[in-house]
Amino acid sequence: MVEHGDVQQGYQNGVAPEGYMATPEARARSRSEGGGPDLAALTRDLPAVIRRADEALVAMVRERPIVALGLALGVGYLAGRALRRWF
């Protein structure tokens, strides 16, 4: 991560260095110039992202099965409570 003293030097043309979020002005300028997200790149990388998330989840379940079961039960309970309130 970049130290705070390097922040001023790192910004060039509204682009933040890695590890920093862009300023609101830079995001607005990017949107107005048609520089939105590259959807082709996002969809191209999506299978790899899903695969990595799946592998991480499987590894977590193998390392801590009781914790994984508790998390699944807790999420299911909260989802059930939320859905019961709306339906």
C-alpha atoms as a PDB file:
ATOM      1  CA  MET A   1       0.000   0.000   0.000  1.00  0.00           C
ATOM      2  CA  VAL A   2       1.204   3.491  -0.760  1.00  0.00           C
ATOM      3  CA  GLU A   3       1.896   5.844   2.130  1.00  0.00           C
ATOM      4  CA  HIS A   4      -0.149   9.018   2.520  1.00  0.00           C
ATOM      5  CA  GLY A   5       2.767  11.247   1.472  1.00  0.00           C
ATOM      6  CA  ASP A   6       2.829   9.573  -1.945  1.00  0.00           C
ATOM      7  CA  VAL A   7      -0.827  10.284  -2.666  1.00  0.00           C
ATOM      8  CA  GLN A   8      -0.287  13.751  -4.110  1.00  0.00           C
ATOM      9  CA  GLN A   9       2.503  12.518  -6.378  1.00  0.00           C
ATOM     10  CA  GLY A  10       0.576   9.427  -7.522  1.00  0.00           C
ATOM     11  CA  TYR A  11      -2.402  11.151  -9.129  1.00  0.00           C
ATOM     12  CA  GLN A  12      -1.972  11.936 -12.797  1.00  0.00           C
ATOM     13  CA  ASN A  13      -4.886  13.162 -14.910  1.00  0.00           C
ATOM     14  CA  GLY A  14      -7.312  12.091 -12.175  1.00  0.00           C
ATOM     15  CA  VAL A  15      -6.089   8.480 -12.180  1.00  0.00           C
ATOM     16  CA  ALA A  16      -5.352   7.102  -8.739  1.00  0.00           C
ATOM     17  CA  PRO A  17      -2.370   4.851  -8.111  1.00  0.00           C
ATOM     18  CA  GLU A  18      -3.057   1.203  -7.369  1.00  0.00           C
ATOM     19  CA  GLY A  19      -4.539   0.798  -3.907  1.00  0.00           C
ATOM     20  CA  TYR A  20      -6.435   4.097  -3.952  1.00  0.00           C
ATOM     21  CA  MET A  21      -9.956   4.880  -5.054  1.00  0.00           C
ATOM     22  CA  ALA A  22     -10.354   7.530  -7.704  1.00  0.00           C
ATOM     23  CA  THR A  23     -11.672  10.910  -6.625  1.00  0.00           C
ATOM     24  CA  PRO A  24     -15.347  11.695  -7.310  1.00  0.00           C
ATOM     25  CA  GLU A  25     -14.243  14.254  -9.884  1.00  0.00           C
ATOM     26  CA  ALA A  26     -12.122  11.687 -11.700  1.00  0.00           C
ATOM     27  CA  ARG A  27     -14.983   9.170 -11.709  1.00  0.00           C
ATOM     28  CA  ALA A  28     -17.389  11.795 -13.085  1.00  0.00           C
ATOM     29  CA  ARG A  29     -14.878  12.826 -15.753  1.00  0.00           C
ATOM     30  CA  SER A  30     -14.342   9.202 -16.707  1.00  0.00           C
ATOM     31  CA  ARG A  31     -18.083   8.624 -17.104  1.00  0.00           C
ATOM     32  CA  SER A  32     -18.576  11.815 -19.101  1.00  0.00           C
ATOM     33  CA  GLU A  33     -15.742  10.877 -21.463  1.00  0.00           C
ATOM     34  CA  GLY A  34     -17.227   7.446 -22.104  1.00  0.00           C
ATOM     35  CA  GLY A  35     -14.604   5.764 -19.978  1.00  0.00           C
ATOM     36  CA  GLY A  36     -16.989   3.482 -18.114  1.00  0.00           C
ATOM     37  CA  PRO A  37     -16.169  -0.087 -17.233  1.00  0.00           C
ATOM     38  CA  ASP A  38     -14.959  -2.341 -20.000  1.00  0.00           C
ATOM     39  CA  LEU A  39     -17.834  -4.819 -20.066  1.00  0.00           C
ATOM     40  CA  ALA A  40     -16.073  -7.115 -22.507  1.00  0.00           C
ATOM     41  CA  ALA A  41     -13.136  -7.482 -20.128  1.00  0.00           C
ATOM     42  CA  LEU A  42     -15.458  -7.989 -17.173  1.00  0.00           C
ATOM     43  CA  THR A  43     -17.404 -10.759 -18.883  1.00  0.00           C
ATOM     44  CA  ARG A  44     -14.210 -12.331 -20.198  1.00  0.00           C
ATOM     45  CA  ASP A  45     -12.714 -12.479 -16.685  1.00  0.00           C
ATOM     46  CA  LEU A  46     -15.929 -13.558 -14.951  1.00  0.00           C
ATOM     47  CA  PRO A  47     -15.405 -17.344 -15.245  1.00  0.00           C
ATOM     48  CA  ALA A  48     -11.928 -17.051 -13.714  1.00  0.00           C
ATOM     49  CA  VAL A  49     -13.254 -14.894 -10.867  1.00  0.00           C
ATOM     50  CA  ILE A  50     -16.039 -17.373 -10.167  1.00  0.00           C
ATOM     51  CA  ARG A  51     -13.586 -20.281 -10.290  1.00  0.00           C
ATOM     52  CA  ARG A  52     -11.254 -18.579  -7.775  1.00  0.00           C
ATOM     53  CA  ALA A  53     -14.160 -17.792  -5.452  1.00  0.00           C
ATOM     54  CA  ASP A  54     -15.355 -21.397  -5.664  1.00  0.00           C
ATOM     55  CA  GLU A  55     -11.889 -22.740  -4.910  1.00  0.00           C
ATOM     56  CA  ALA A  56     -11.553 -20.394  -1.925  1.00  0.00           C
ATOM     57  CA  LEU A  57     -14.953 -21.458  -0.592  1.00  0.00           C
ATOM     58  CA  VAL A  58     -14.147 -25.165  -0.971  1.00  0.00           C
ATOM     59  CA  ALA A  59     -10.815 -24.651   0.793  1.00  0.00           C
ATOM     60  CA  MET A  60     -12.510 -22.797   3.666  1.00  0.00           C
ATOM     61  CA  VAL A  61     -15.098 -25.563   4.078  1.00  0.00           C
ATOM     62  CA  ARG A  62     -12.376 -28.225   4.103  1.00  0.00           C
ATOM     63  CA  GLU A  63     -10.299 -26.332   6.678  1.00  0.00           C
ATOM     64  CA  ARG A  64     -13.176 -25.328   8.978  1.00  0.00           C
ATOM     65  CA  PRO A  65     -16.291 -27.431   8.343  1.00  0.00           C
ATOM     66  CA  ILE A  66     -18.015 -26.486  11.616  1.00  0.00           C
ATOM     67  CA  VAL A  67     -17.535 -22.761  10.976  1.00  0.00           C
ATOM     68  CA  ALA A  68     -18.818 -23.182   7.406  1.00  0.00           C
ATOM     69  CA  LEU A  69     -21.899 -25.023   8.672  1.00  0.00           C
ATOM     70  CA  GLY A  70     -22.541 -22.305  11.254  1.00  0.00           C
ATOM     71  CA  LEU A  71     -22.208 -19.577   8.625  1.00  0.00           C
ATOM     72  CA  ALA A  72     -24.565 -21.399   6.261  1.00  0.00           C
ATOM     73  CA  LEU A  73     -27.148 -21.837   9.020  1.00  0.00           C
ATOM     74  CA  GLY A  74     -26.834 -18.191  10.068  1.00  0.00           C
ATOM     75  CA  VAL A  75     -27.198 -16.870   6.522  1.00  0.00           C
ATOM     76  CA  GLY A  76     -30.156 -19.173   5.919  1.00  0.00           C
ATOM     77  CA  TYR A  77     -31.822 -18.028   9.125  1.00  0.00           C
ATOM     78  CA  LEU A  78     -31.366 -14.339   8.260  1.00  0.00           C
ATOM     79  CA  ALA A  79     -32.564 -14.877   4.687  1.00  0.00           C
ATOM     80  CA  GLY A  80     -35.644 -16.699   5.986  1.00  0.00           C
ATOM     81  CA  ARG A  81     -36.422 -13.905   8.425  1.00  0.00           C
ATOM     82  CA  ALA A  82     -36.040 -11.261   5.715  1.00  0.00           C
ATOM     83  CA  LEU A  83     -38.198 -13.157   3.219  1.00  0.00           C
ATOM     84  CA  ARG A  84     -40.896 -13.868   5.810  1.00  0.00           C
ATOM     85  CA  ARG A  85     -41.159 -10.146   6.507  1.00  0.00           C
ATOM     86  CA  TRP A  86     -41.726  -9.279   2.830  1.00  0.00           C
ATOM     87  CA  PHE A  87     -43.951 -12.176   1.788  1.00  0.00           C
END
